[in-house]
Amino acid sequence: MSAIVEFYWRPGCGFCSALRSGLARTDLTVKEVNIWEDPEAAARVRAVANGNEVVPTVFVGDKSLVNPSVAEVLAAANS
């Protein structure tokens, strides 16, 4: 069984839309978090992205992926 994927995004982000579309075609369980509505989520993203709010950022267990491809998320979720 694959892990839950936490997908951190913000409105207007084309990279987020592209990743969301790709993830929708998988069997992964994805929890979406809008960093503009959740200051703690924004801080979590900054902590793994050199102080920047780079989205999409994905967390799978203890792994963090900044602007990943669908293949990278699948590999992290299934490892």
N, C-alpha and C. Protein backbone atom coordinates (compact mmCIF):
# COMPACT_ATOMS: atom_id res chain seq x y z
N MET A 1 0.85 -1.19 0.00
CA MET A 1 0.00 0.00 0.00
C MET A 1 0.88 1.24 0.00
N SER A 2 0.51 2.22 -0.78
CA SER A 2 1.30 3.44 -0.85
C SER A 2 0.91 4.41 0.27
N ALA A 3 1.82 5.30 0.55
CA ALA A 3 1.64 6.28 1.62
C ALA A 3 0.70 7.40 1.17
N ILE A 4 0.19 8.14 2.15
CA ILE A 4 -0.60 9.33 1.85
C ILE A 4 0.33 10.42 1.35
N VAL A 5 -0.09 11.09 0.30
CA VAL A 5 0.68 12.16 -0.31
C VAL A 5 0.07 13.49 0.13
N GLU A 6 0.90 14.35 0.72
CA GLU A 6 0.45 15.70 1.09
C GLU A 6 0.94 16.65 0.02
N PHE A 7 0.02 17.27 -0.67
CA PHE A 7 0.29 18.11 -1.84
C PHE A 7 0.04 19.57 -1.44
N TYR A 8 1.12 20.33 -1.32
CA TYR A 8 1.03 21.74 -0.93
C TYR A 8 1.05 22.59 -2.20
N TRP A 9 0.05 23.49 -2.30
CA TRP A 9 -0.16 24.26 -3.52
C TRP A 9 -0.65 25.66 -3.17
N ARG A 10 -0.81 26.48 -4.21
CA ARG A 10 -1.44 27.79 -4.05
C ARG A 10 -2.23 28.10 -5.31
N PRO A 11 -3.27 28.92 -5.20
CA PRO A 11 -4.06 29.29 -6.38
C PRO A 11 -3.20 29.99 -7.43
N GLY A 12 -3.52 29.75 -8.69
CA GLY A 12 -2.83 30.40 -9.80
C GLY A 12 -1.52 29.76 -10.20
N CYS A 13 -1.14 28.68 -9.56
CA CYS A 13 0.14 28.02 -9.84
C CYS A 13 -0.06 26.98 -10.95
N GLY A 14 0.52 27.26 -12.12
CA GLY A 14 0.39 26.34 -13.24
C GLY A 14 1.08 25.01 -12.99
N PHE A 15 2.23 25.04 -12.31
CA PHE A 15 2.93 23.79 -11.99
C PHE A 15 2.07 22.93 -11.06
N CYS A 16 1.36 23.60 -10.13
CA CYS A 16 0.47 22.87 -9.22
C CYS A 16 -0.67 22.22 -10.00
N SER A 17 -1.25 22.96 -10.94
CA SER A 17 -2.35 22.41 -11.75
C SER A 17 -1.89 21.21 -12.55
N ALA A 18 -0.70 21.30 -13.11
CA ALA A 18 -0.17 20.19 -13.91
C ALA A 18 0.07 18.97 -13.04
N LEU A 19 0.65 19.16 -11.86
CA LEU A 19 0.90 18.02 -10.98
C LEU A 19 -0.42 17.44 -10.47
N ARG A 20 -1.37 18.29 -10.12
CA ARG A 20 -2.67 17.82 -9.65
C ARG A 20 -3.32 16.94 -10.72
N SER A 21 -3.27 17.38 -11.96
CA SER A 21 -3.86 16.61 -13.06
C SER A 21 -3.18 15.24 -13.19
N GLY A 22 -1.87 15.22 -13.11
CA GLY A 22 -1.15 13.96 -13.19
C GLY A 22 -1.43 13.04 -12.03
N LEU A 23 -1.49 13.59 -10.84
CA LEU A 23 -1.76 12.76 -9.66
C LEU A 23 -3.18 12.20 -9.67
N ALA A 24 -4.10 12.93 -10.29
CA ALA A 24 -5.49 12.46 -10.38
C ALA A 24 -5.60 11.18 -11.19
N ARG A 25 -4.62 10.92 -12.04
CA ARG A 25 -4.63 9.71 -12.86
C ARG A 25 -3.95 8.53 -12.18
N THR A 26 -3.54 8.70 -10.93
CA THR A 26 -2.92 7.62 -10.17
C THR A 26 -3.91 7.11 -9.13
N ASP A 27 -3.51 6.07 -8.41
CA ASP A 27 -4.36 5.55 -7.34
C ASP A 27 -3.92 6.06 -5.97
N LEU A 28 -3.09 7.10 -5.97
CA LEU A 28 -2.59 7.65 -4.70
C LEU A 28 -3.69 8.39 -3.94
N THR A 29 -3.59 8.32 -2.62
CA THR A 29 -4.44 9.14 -1.75
C THR A 29 -3.72 10.46 -1.56
N VAL A 30 -4.34 11.55 -2.00
CA VAL A 30 -3.70 12.86 -1.98
C VAL A 30 -4.49 13.81 -1.09
N LYS A 31 -3.78 14.41 -0.13
CA LYS A 31 -4.35 15.45 0.72
C LYS A 31 -3.81 16.78 0.23
N GLU A 32 -4.68 17.67 -0.21
CA GLU A 32 -4.25 18.96 -0.73
C GLU A 32 -4.28 20.03 0.36
N VAL A 33 -3.23 20.87 0.38
CA VAL A 33 -3.13 21.94 1.37
C VAL A 33 -2.76 23.23 0.64
N ASN A 34 -3.64 24.22 0.74
CA ASN A 34 -3.41 25.54 0.13
C ASN A 34 -2.55 26.36 1.09
N ILE A 35 -1.32 26.68 0.68
CA ILE A 35 -0.41 27.39 1.60
C ILE A 35 -0.85 28.82 1.86
N TRP A 36 -1.70 29.38 1.01
CA TRP A 36 -2.19 30.74 1.24
C TRP A 36 -3.28 30.77 2.30
N GLU A 37 -3.85 29.62 2.63
CA GLU A 37 -4.89 29.55 3.66
C GLU A 37 -4.38 28.95 4.96
N ASP A 38 -3.13 28.49 4.98
CA ASP A 38 -2.59 27.80 6.15
C ASP A 38 -1.15 28.25 6.41
N PRO A 39 -0.96 29.21 7.32
CA PRO A 39 0.39 29.73 7.59
C PRO A 39 1.38 28.65 8.03
N GLU A 40 0.92 27.65 8.77
CA GLU A 40 1.82 26.57 9.18
C GLU A 40 2.27 25.75 7.98
N ALA A 41 1.39 25.57 7.02
CA ALA A 41 1.75 24.84 5.81
C ALA A 41 2.79 25.63 5.01
N ALA A 42 2.60 26.94 4.92
CA ALA A 42 3.57 27.78 4.21
C ALA A 42 4.93 27.70 4.89
N ALA A 43 4.94 27.69 6.21
CA ALA A 43 6.20 27.58 6.95
C ALA A 43 6.86 26.22 6.70
N ARG A 44 6.05 25.17 6.62
CA ARG A 44 6.60 23.83 6.35
C ARG A 44 7.26 23.79 4.97
N VAL A 45 6.63 24.43 3.99
CA VAL A 45 7.21 24.49 2.64
C VAL A 45 8.52 25.28 2.68
N ARG A 46 8.52 26.43 3.33
CA ARG A 46 9.75 27.24 3.41
C ARG A 46 10.89 26.46 4.06
N ALA A 47 10.56 25.61 5.03
CA ALA A 47 11.57 24.83 5.75
C ALA A 47 12.32 23.86 4.84
N VAL A 48 11.68 23.39 3.77
CA VAL A 48 12.33 22.42 2.88
C VAL A 48 12.71 23.02 1.53
N ALA A 49 12.40 24.31 1.32
CA ALA A 49 12.65 24.95 0.03
C ALA A 49 13.54 26.18 0.19
N ASN A 50 14.55 26.06 1.04
CA ASN A 50 15.53 27.14 1.22
C ASN A 50 14.89 28.48 1.56
N GLY A 51 13.83 28.45 2.37
CA GLY A 51 13.18 29.67 2.81
C GLY A 51 12.17 30.24 1.84
N ASN A 52 11.96 29.57 0.72
CA ASN A 52 11.02 30.05 -0.30
C ASN A 52 9.72 29.25 -0.25
N GLU A 53 8.66 29.87 -0.72
CA GLU A 53 7.37 29.19 -0.79
C GLU A 53 7.20 28.58 -2.18
N VAL A 54 8.03 27.60 -2.48
CA VAL A 54 7.99 26.94 -3.78
C VAL A 54 6.90 25.88 -3.77
N VAL A 55 5.99 26.01 -4.71
CA VAL A 55 4.94 25.00 -4.87
C VAL A 55 4.91 24.57 -6.33
N PRO A 56 4.50 23.34 -6.57
CA PRO A 56 4.05 22.38 -5.59
C PRO A 56 5.22 21.80 -4.79
N THR A 57 4.94 21.59 -3.52
CA THR A 57 5.82 20.82 -2.66
C THR A 57 4.99 19.65 -2.14
N VAL A 58 5.60 18.48 -2.15
CA VAL A 58 4.88 17.27 -1.76
C VAL A 58 5.65 16.59 -0.62
N PHE A 59 4.89 16.14 0.36
CA PHE A 59 5.46 15.37 1.46
C PHE A 59 4.86 13.96 1.41
N VAL A 60 5.74 12.98 1.51
CA VAL A 60 5.33 11.57 1.58
C VAL A 60 6.09 10.99 2.76
N GLY A 61 5.40 10.78 3.87
CA GLY A 61 6.08 10.34 5.08
C GLY A 61 7.12 11.38 5.47
N ASP A 62 8.37 10.95 5.62
CA ASP A 62 9.43 11.88 6.01
C ASP A 62 10.18 12.46 4.81
N LYS A 63 9.69 12.18 3.61
CA LYS A 63 10.32 12.69 2.39
C LYS A 63 9.64 13.98 1.94
N SER A 64 10.44 14.93 1.46
CA SER A 64 9.88 16.14 0.87
C SER A 64 10.39 16.26 -0.56
N LEU A 65 9.49 16.67 -1.44
CA LEU A 65 9.80 16.81 -2.86
C LEU A 65 9.36 18.21 -3.30
N VAL A 66 10.31 19.02 -3.78
CA VAL A 66 9.99 20.37 -4.22
C VAL A 66 9.85 20.36 -5.74
N ASN A 67 8.67 20.77 -6.21
CA ASN A 67 8.33 20.81 -7.63
C ASN A 67 8.62 19.47 -8.32
N PRO A 68 8.05 18.38 -7.78
CA PRO A 68 8.35 17.05 -8.33
C PRO A 68 7.51 16.72 -9.56
N SER A 69 7.95 15.70 -10.26
CA SER A 69 7.14 15.12 -11.34
C SER A 69 6.21 14.08 -10.71
N VAL A 70 5.22 13.65 -11.48
CA VAL A 70 4.33 12.59 -11.01
C VAL A 70 5.15 11.32 -10.73
N ALA A 71 6.10 11.03 -11.61
CA ALA A 71 6.93 9.83 -11.43
C ALA A 71 7.71 9.89 -10.11
N GLU A 72 8.22 11.06 -9.76
CA GLU A 72 8.95 11.20 -8.49
C GLU A 72 8.03 10.99 -7.29
N VAL A 73 6.81 11.49 -7.38
CA VAL A 73 5.84 11.30 -6.28
C VAL A 73 5.49 9.83 -6.18
N LEU A 74 5.23 9.18 -7.30
CA LEU A 74 4.91 7.75 -7.29
C LEU A 74 6.05 6.94 -6.67
N ALA A 75 7.28 7.24 -7.04
CA ALA A 75 8.42 6.52 -6.50
C ALA A 75 8.53 6.70 -4.99
N ALA A 76 8.32 7.92 -4.52
CA ALA A 76 8.39 8.18 -3.08
C ALA A 76 7.27 7.48 -2.34
N ALA A 77 6.08 7.47 -2.92
CA ALA A 77 4.92 6.87 -2.27
C ALA A 77 5.01 5.35 -2.22
N ASN A 78 5.69 4.77 -3.17
CA ASN A 78 5.75 3.32 -3.26
C ASN A 78 7.06 2.73 -2.73
N SER A 79 7.90 3.58 -2.13
CA SER A 79 9.17 3.06 -1.62
C SER A 79 9.07 2.69 -0.15
